[in-house]
PDB file of N, CA and C in Angstrom:
ATOM      1  N   MET A   1      74.061 130.118  94.353  1.00  0.00           N
ATOM      2  CA  MET A   1      74.840 129.103  93.678  1.00  0.00           C
ATOM      3  C   MET A   1      75.094 127.930  94.608  1.00  0.00           C
ATOM      4  N   LYS A   2      75.211 126.776  94.021  1.00  0.00           N
ATOM      5  CA  LYS A   2      75.441 125.546  94.765  1.00  0.00           C
ATOM      6  C   LYS A   2      76.934 125.233  94.800  1.00  0.00           C
ATOM      7  N   LYS A   3      77.458 124.971  96.002  1.00  0.00           N
ATOM      8  CA  LYS A   3      78.872 124.619  96.115  1.00  0.00           C
ATOM      9  C   LYS A   3      79.049 123.145  95.795  1.00  0.00           C
ATOM     10  N   GLU A   4      80.110 122.844  95.042  1.00  0.00           N
ATOM     11  CA  GLU A   4      80.394 121.455  94.695  1.00  0.00           C
ATOM     12  C   GLU A   4      81.427 120.895  95.652  1.00  0.00           C
ATOM     13  N   LYS A   5      81.225 119.642  96.008  1.00  0.00           N
ATOM     14  CA  LYS A   5      82.193 118.956  96.858  1.00  0.00           C
ATOM     15  C   LYS A   5      83.413 118.615  96.019  1.00  0.00           C
ATOM     16  N   PRO A   6      84.595 118.659  96.614  1.00  0.00           N
ATOM     17  CA  PRO A   6      85.777 118.240  95.861  1.00  0.00           C
ATOM     18  C   PRO A   6      85.675 116.759  95.518  1.00  0.00           C
ATOM     19  N   SER A   7      86.130 116.426  94.331  1.00  0.00           N
ATOM     20  CA  SER A   7      86.053 115.022  93.913  1.00  0.00           C
ATOM     21  C   SER A   7      87.020 114.188  94.727  1.00  0.00           C
ATOM     22  N   SER A   8      86.601 112.954  95.006  1.00  0.00           N
ATOM     23  CA  SER A   8      87.485 112.048  95.751  1.00  0.00           C
ATOM     24  C   SER A   8      87.816 110.876  94.849  1.00  0.00           C
ATOM     25  N   GLY A   9      88.558 111.153  93.791  1.00  0.00           N
ATOM     26  CA  GLY A   9      88.962 110.119  92.851  1.00  0.00           C
ATOM     27  C   GLY A   9      89.935 109.160  93.480  1.00  0.00           C
ATOM     28  N   ARG A  10      90.190 108.076  92.818  1.00  0.00           N
ATOM     29  CA  ARG A  10      91.070 107.054  93.382  1.00  0.00           C
ATOM     30  C   ARG A  10      92.488 107.543  93.585  1.00  0.00           C
ATOM     31  N   GLY A  11      92.948 108.439  92.734  1.00  0.00           N
ATOM     32  CA  GLY A  11      94.316 108.917  92.833  1.00  0.00           C
ATOM     33  C   GLY A  11      94.522 109.903  93.962  1.00  0.00           C
ATOM     34  N   GLU A  12      93.427 110.485  94.462  1.00  0.00           N
ATOM     35  CA  GLU A  12      93.528 111.479  95.513  1.00  0.00           C
ATOM     36  C   GLU A  12      93.375 110.814  96.875  1.00  0.00           C
ATOM     37  N   GLN A  13      94.084 111.339  97.859  1.00  0.00           N
ATOM     38  CA  GLN A  13      93.957 110.825  99.211  1.00  0.00           C
ATOM     39  C   GLN A  13      93.176 111.818 100.041  1.00  0.00           C
ATOM     40  N   GLU A  14      92.288 111.299 100.874  1.00  0.00           N
ATOM     41  CA  GLU A  14      91.544 112.148 101.793  1.00  0.00           C
ATOM     42  C   GLU A  14      92.519 112.687 102.833  1.00  0.00           C
ATOM     43  N   PRO A  15      92.381 113.941 103.214  1.00  0.00           N
ATOM     44  CA  PRO A  15      93.272 114.460 104.257  1.00  0.00           C
ATOM     45  C   PRO A  15      92.979 113.768 105.578  1.00  0.00           C
ATOM     46  N   ARG A  16      94.008 113.501 106.338  1.00  0.00           N
ATOM     47  CA  ARG A  16      93.837 112.838 107.642  1.00  0.00           C
ATOM     48  C   ARG A  16      93.253 113.833 108.616  1.00  0.00           C
ATOM     49  N   ARG A  17      92.300 113.386 109.374  1.00  0.00           N
ATOM     50  CA  ARG A  17      91.676 114.244 110.374  1.00  0.00           C
ATOM     51  C   ARG A  17      92.549 114.281 111.609  1.00  0.00           C
ATOM     52  N   ALA A  18      92.565 115.428 112.242  1.00  0.00           N
ATOM     53  CA  ALA A  18      93.335 115.566 113.480  1.00  0.00           C
ATOM     54  C   ALA A  18      92.718 114.656 114.529  1.00  0.00           C
ATOM     55  N   ARG A  19      93.546 113.987 115.287  1.00  0.00           N
ATOM     56  CA  ARG A  19      93.039 113.113 116.336  1.00  0.00           C
ATOM     57  C   ARG A  19      93.880 113.294 117.586  1.00  0.00           C
ATOM     58  N   ILE A  20      93.226 113.088 118.683  1.00  0.00           N
ATOM     59  CA  ILE A  20      93.904 113.213 119.964  1.00  0.00           C
ATOM     60  C   ILE A  20      94.426 111.839 120.348  1.00  0.00           C
ATOM     61  N   THR A  21      95.718 111.743 120.583  1.00  0.00           N
ATOM     62  CA  THR A  21      96.329 110.480 120.964  1.00  0.00           C
ATOM     63  C   THR A  21      96.497 110.464 122.472  1.00  0.00           C
ATOM     64  N   THR A  22      95.819 109.517 123.106  1.00  0.00           N
ATOM     65  CA  THR A  22      95.928 109.422 124.564  1.00  0.00           C
ATOM     66  C   THR A  22      96.867 108.303 124.986  1.00  0.00           C
ATOM     67  N   GLY A  23      97.160 107.395 124.073  1.00  0.00           N
ATOM     68  CA  GLY A  23      98.066 106.284 124.356  1.00  0.00           C
ATOM     69  C   GLY A  23      99.223 106.330 123.387  1.00  0.00           C
ATOM     70  N   ARG A  24      99.773 105.175 123.118  1.00  0.00           N
ATOM     71  CA  ARG A  24     100.886 105.131 122.170  1.00  0.00           C
ATOM     72  C   ARG A  24     100.358 105.266 120.745  1.00  0.00           C
ATOM     73  N   GLU A  25     101.204 105.684 119.845  1.00  0.00           N
ATOM     74  CA  GLU A  25     100.837 105.844 118.444  1.00  0.00           C
ATOM     75  C   GLU A  25     100.642 104.449 117.839  1.00  0.00           C
ATOM     76  N   LEU A  26      99.556 104.260 117.103  1.00  0.00           N
ATOM     77  CA  LEU A  26      99.273 102.963 116.490  1.00  0.00           C
ATOM     78  C   LEU A  26     100.059 102.806 115.199  1.00  0.00           C
ATOM     79  N   THR A  27     100.422 101.569 114.906  1.00  0.00           N
ATOM     80  CA  THR A  27     101.053 101.299 113.618  1.00  0.00           C
ATOM     81  C   THR A  27      99.968 101.364 112.548  1.00  0.00           C
ATOM     82  N   GLU A  28     100.381 101.452 111.312  1.00  0.00           N
ATOM     83  CA  GLU A  28      99.426 101.511 110.210  1.00  0.00           C
ATOM     84  C   GLU A  28      98.563 100.248 110.170  1.00  0.00           C
ATOM     85  N   VAL A  29      99.167  99.095 110.425  1.00  0.00           N
ATOM     86  CA  VAL A  29      98.427  97.829 110.423  1.00  0.00           C
ATOM     87  C   VAL A  29      97.394  97.806 111.542  1.00  0.00           C
ATOM     88  N   GLU A  30      97.767  98.276 112.729  1.00  0.00           N
ATOM     89  CA  GLU A  30      96.823  98.320 113.850  1.00  0.00           C
ATOM     90  C   GLU A  30      95.656  99.255 113.554  1.00  0.00           C
ATOM     91  N   GLU A  31      95.946 100.391 112.942  1.00  0.00           N
ATOM     92  CA  GLU A  31      94.893 101.353 112.626  1.00  0.00           C
ATOM     93  C   GLU A  31      93.938 100.792 111.573  1.00  0.00           C
ATOM     94  N   ILE A  32      94.478 100.187 110.538  1.00  0.00           N
ATOM     95  CA  ILE A  32      93.635  99.592 109.497  1.00  0.00           C
ATOM     96  C   ILE A  32      92.793  98.465 110.075  1.00  0.00           C
ATOM     97  N   SER A  33      93.390  97.645 110.925  1.00  0.00           N
ATOM     98  CA  SER A  33      92.668  96.549 111.566  1.00  0.00           C
ATOM     99  C   SER A  33      91.504  97.075 112.399  1.00  0.00           C
ATOM    100  N   ALA A  34      91.744  98.119 113.176  1.00  0.00           N
ATOM    101  CA  ALA A  34      90.684  98.702 114.007  1.00  0.00           C
ATOM    102  C   ALA A  34      89.584  99.294 113.144  1.00  0.00           C
ATOM    103  N   ARG A  35      89.957  99.959 112.062  1.00  0.00           N
ATOM    104  CA  ARG A  35      88.961 100.554 111.161  1.00  0.00           C
ATOM    105  C   ARG A  35      88.102  99.474 110.504  1.00  0.00           C
ATOM    106  N   LEU A  36      88.739  98.403 110.031  1.00  0.00           N
ATOM    107  CA  LEU A  36      87.987  97.317 109.394  1.00  0.00           C
ATOM    108  C   LEU A  36      87.071  96.620 110.383  1.00  0.00           C
ATOM    109  N   SER A  37      87.554  96.413 111.586  1.00  0.00           N
ATOM    110  CA  SER A  37      86.747  95.782 112.613  1.00  0.00           C
ATOM    111  C   SER A  37      85.509  96.616 112.921  1.00  0.00           C
ATOM    112  N   ALA A  38      85.691  97.922 113.048  1.00  0.00           N
ATOM    113  CA  ALA A  38      84.554  98.817 113.311  1.00  0.00           C
ATOM    114  C   ALA A  38      83.573  98.799 112.149  1.00  0.00           C
ATOM    115  N   LEU A  39      84.088  98.777 110.932  1.00  0.00           N
ATOM    116  CA  LEU A  39      83.226  98.747 109.747  1.00  0.00           C
ATOM    117  C   LEU A  39      82.416  97.457 109.683  1.00  0.00           C
ATOM    118  N   VAL A  40      83.055  96.323 109.928  1.00  0.00           N
ATOM    119  CA  VAL A  40      82.361  95.032 109.915  1.00  0.00           C
ATOM    120  C   VAL A  40      81.276  95.011 110.986  1.00  0.00           C
ATOM    121  N   ASN A  41      81.604  95.495 112.189  1.00  0.00           N
ATOM    122  CA  ASN A  41      80.602  95.531 113.262  1.00  0.00           C
ATOM    123  C   ASN A  41      79.420  96.414 112.897  1.00  0.00           C
ATOM    124  N   LEU A  42      79.682  97.567 112.317  1.00  0.00           N
ATOM    125  CA  LEU A  42      78.620  98.477 111.917  1.00  0.00           C
ATOM    126  C   LEU A  42      77.724  97.844 110.854  1.00  0.00           C
ATOM    127  N   LEU A  43      78.324  97.224 109.856  1.00  0.00           N
ATOM    128  CA  LEU A  43      77.549  96.572 108.792  1.00  0.00           C
ATOM    129  C   LEU A  43      76.735  95.405 109.329  1.00  0.00           C
ATOM    130  N   ALA A  44      77.299  94.661 110.273  1.00  0.00           N
ATOM    131  CA  ALA A  44      76.580  93.533 110.871  1.00  0.00           C
ATOM    132  C   ALA A  44      75.402  94.029 111.708  1.00  0.00           C
ATOM    133  N   GLU A  45      75.614  95.094 112.471  1.00  0.00           N
ATOM    134  CA  GLU A  45      74.542  95.650 113.307  1.00  0.00           C
ATOM    135  C   GLU A  45      73.362  96.140 112.469  1.00  0.00           C
ATOM    136  N   ARG A  46      73.662  96.638 111.286  1.00  0.00           N
ATOM    137  CA  ARG A  46      72.605  97.167 110.422  1.00  0.00           C
ATOM    138  C   ARG A  46      71.996  96.092 109.529  1.00  0.00           C
ATOM    139  N   GLY A  47      72.454  94.861 109.660  1.00  0.00           N
ATOM    140  CA  GLY A  47      71.894  93.759 108.890  1.00  0.00           C
ATOM    141  C   GLY A  47      72.353  93.704 107.448  1.00  0.00           C
ATOM    142  N   ILE A  48      73.419  94.404 107.131  1.00  0.00           N
ATOM    143  CA  ILE A  48      73.935  94.445 105.762  1.00  0.00           C
ATOM    144  C   ILE A  48      74.899  93.292 105.519  1.00  0.00           C
ATOM    145  N   LEU A  49      75.520  92.821 106.582  1.00  0.00           N
ATOM    146  CA  LEU A  49      76.581  91.823 106.477  1.00  0.00           C
ATOM    147  C   LEU A  49      76.293  90.651 107.403  1.00  0.00           C
ATOM    148  N   ASN A  50      76.486  89.444 106.883  1.00  0.00           N
ATOM    149  CA  ASN A  50      76.385  88.240 107.697  1.00  0.00           C
ATOM    150  C   ASN A  50      77.802  87.931 108.199  1.00  0.00           C
ATOM    151  N   VAL A  51      78.024  88.066 109.498  1.00  0.00           N
ATOM    152  CA  VAL A  51      79.371  87.946 110.068  1.00  0.00           C
ATOM    153  C   VAL A  51      79.960  86.557 109.838  1.00  0.00           C
ATOM    154  N   LYS A  52      79.167  85.508 110.002  1.00  0.00           N
ATOM    155  CA  LYS A  52      79.692  84.149 109.808  1.00  0.00           C
ATOM    156  C   LYS A  52      80.151  83.938 108.373  1.00  0.00           C
ATOM    157  N   GLU A  53      79.361  84.415 107.413  1.00  0.00           N
ATOM    158  CA  GLU A  53      79.742  84.290 106.008  1.00  0.00           C
ATOM    159  C   GLU A  53      80.991  85.111 105.720  1.00  0.00           C
ATOM    160  N   TYR A  54      81.048  86.309 106.276  1.00  0.00           N
ATOM    161  CA  TYR A  54      82.217  87.171 106.104  1.00  0.00           C
ATOM    162  C   TYR A  54      83.476  86.481 106.638  1.00  0.00           C
ATOM    163  N   GLU A  55      83.386  85.929 107.850  1.00  0.00           N
ATOM    164  CA  GLU A  55      84.547  85.269 108.449  1.00  0.00           C
ATOM    165  C   GLU A  55      84.977  84.044 107.639  1.00  0.00           C
ATOM    166  N   ARG A  56      84.008  83.310 107.080  1.00  0.00           N
ATOM    167  CA  ARG A  56      84.326  82.150 106.250  1.00  0.00           C
ATOM    168  C   ARG A  56      85.067  82.590 104.986  1.00  0.00           C
ATOM    169  N   ILE A  57      84.578  83.645 104.351  1.00  0.00           N
ATOM    170  CA  ILE A  57      85.212  84.144 103.123  1.00  0.00           C
ATOM    171  C   ILE A  57      86.612  84.674 103.422  1.00  0.00           C
ATOM    172  N   VAL A  58      86.760  85.403 104.535  1.00  0.00           N
ATOM    173  CA  VAL A  58      88.074  85.928 104.913  1.00  0.00           C
ATOM    174  C   VAL A  58      89.046  84.785 105.178  1.00  0.00           C
ATOM    175  N   ALA A  59      88.599  83.739 105.873  1.00  0.00           N
ATOM    176  CA  ALA A  59      89.473  82.594 106.156  1.00  0.00           C
ATOM    177  C   ALA A  59      89.945  81.946 104.853  1.00  0.00           C
ATOM    178  N   MET A  60      89.031  81.807 103.892  1.00  0.00           N
ATOM    179  CA  MET A  60      89.419  81.228 102.592  1.00  0.00           C
ATOM    180  C   MET A  60      90.416  82.124 101.876  1.00  0.00           C
ATOM    181  N   ARG A  61      90.186  83.427 101.903  1.00  0.00           N
ATOM    182  CA  ARG A  61      91.086  84.364 101.220  1.00  0.00           C
ATOM    183  C   ARG A  61      92.463  84.356 101.856  1.00  0.00           C
ATOM    184  N   LEU A  62      92.518  84.344 103.196  1.00  0.00           N
ATOM    185  CA  LEU A  62      93.805  84.293 103.883  1.00  0.00           C
ATOM    186  C   LEU A  62      94.553  83.010 103.556  1.00  0.00           C
ATOM    187  N   HIS A  63      93.823  81.899 103.468  1.00  0.00           N
ATOM    188  CA  HIS A  63      94.439  80.626 103.104  1.00  0.00           C
ATOM    189  C   HIS A  63      95.025  80.706 101.696  1.00  0.00           C
ATOM    190  N   GLU A  64      94.276  81.296 100.763  1.00  0.00           N
ATOM    191  CA  GLU A  64      94.754  81.438  99.383  1.00  0.00           C
ATOM    192  C   GLU A  64      96.015  82.286  99.316  1.00  0.00           C
ATOM    193  N   VAL A  65      96.015  83.407 100.042  1.00  0.00           N
ATOM    194  CA  VAL A  65      97.176  84.296 100.036  1.00  0.00           C
ATOM    195  C   VAL A  65      98.383  83.607 100.663  1.00  0.00           C
ATOM    196  N   SER A  66      98.156  82.912 101.770  1.00  0.00           N
ATOM    197  CA  SER A  66      99.230  82.202 102.444  1.00  0.00           C
ATOM    198  C   SER A  66      99.830  81.133 101.532  1.00  0.00           C
ATOM    199  N   LYS A  67      98.958  80.398 100.851  1.00  0.00           N
ATOM    200  CA  LYS A  67      99.408  79.335  99.952  1.00  0.00           C
ATOM    201  C   LYS A  67     100.204  79.921  98.776  1.00  0.00           C
ATOM    202  N   ALA A  68      99.697  81.007  98.206  1.00  0.00           N
ATOM    203  CA  ALA A  68     100.389  81.643  97.076  1.00  0.00           C
ATOM    204  C   ALA A  68     101.756  82.166  97.504  1.00  0.00           C
ATOM    205  N   THR A  69     101.816  82.745  98.691  1.00  0.00           N
ATOM    206  CA  THR A  69     103.092  83.261  99.201  1.00  0.00           C
ATOM    207  C   THR A  69     104.087  82.128  99.415  1.00  0.00           C
ATOM    208  N   ALA A  70     103.617  81.020  99.944  1.00  0.00           N
ATOM    209  CA  ALA A  70     104.488  79.865 100.173  1.00  0.00           C
ATOM    210  C   ALA A  70     105.040  79.352  98.850  1.00  0.00           C
ATOM    211  N   PHE A  71     104.187  79.272  97.820  1.00  0.00           N
ATOM    212  CA  PHE A  71     104.640  78.799  96.500  1.00  0.00           C
ATOM    213  C   PHE A  71     105.667  79.764  95.908  1.00  0.00           C
ATOM    214  N   GLU A  72     105.456  81.061  96.080  1.00  0.00           N
ATOM    215  CA  GLU A  72     106.407  82.046  95.566  1.00  0.00           C
ATOM    216  C   GLU A  72     107.761  81.902  96.257  1.00  0.00           C
ATOM    217  N   GLU A  73     107.749  81.673  97.563  1.00  0.00           N
ATOM    218  CA  GLU A  73     108.998  81.515  98.305  1.00  0.00           C
ATOM    219  C   GLU A  73     109.725  80.250  97.870  1.00  0.00           C
ATOM    220  N   LEU A  74     108.977  79.151  97.648  1.00  0.00           N
ATOM    221  CA  LEU A  74     109.590  77.916  97.167  1.00  0.00           C
ATOM    222  C   LEU A  74     110.182  78.111  95.773  1.00  0.00           C
ATOM    223  N   ASP A  75     109.452  78.842  94.932  1.00  0.00           N
ATOM    224  CA  ASP A  75     109.913  79.091  93.569  1.00  0.00           C
ATOM    225  C   ASP A  75     111.210  79.902  93.582  1.00  0.00           C
ATOM    226  N   GLU A  76     111.312  80.879  94.482  1.00  0.00           N
ATOM    227  CA  GLU A  76     112.524  81.683  94.586  1.00  0.00           C
ATOM    228  C   GLU A  76     113.717  80.853  95.063  1.00  0.00           C
ATOM    229  N   GLU A  77     113.467  79.880  95.934  1.00  0.00           N
ATOM    230  CA  GLU A  77     114.542  79.032  96.451  1.00  0.00           C
ATOM    231  C   GLU A  77     115.090  78.110  95.364  1.00  0.00           C
ATOM    232  N   LEU A  78     114.222  77.715  94.444  1.00  0.00           N
ATOM    233  CA  LEU A  78     114.664  76.810  93.378  1.00  0.00           C
ATOM    234  C   LEU A  78     115.364  77.610  92.337  1.00  0.00           C
TER     235      LEU A  78
END
């Protein structure tokens, strides 16, 4: 018989793998940042991702989010 892998639906979270901490514990933001950076580097090395285009798109998205947040804060003040 063939064993089936457990489904990894959107509602389910993957269990965290045990890791050895040699320095200070990272914040969630630092960990996500490191993971994304490693992923971008891996995709760029394999020729799947154009880093310059990625950085341009990210800069535009950050600008949009920053602008939207500023408008929301102004709206709350009024």
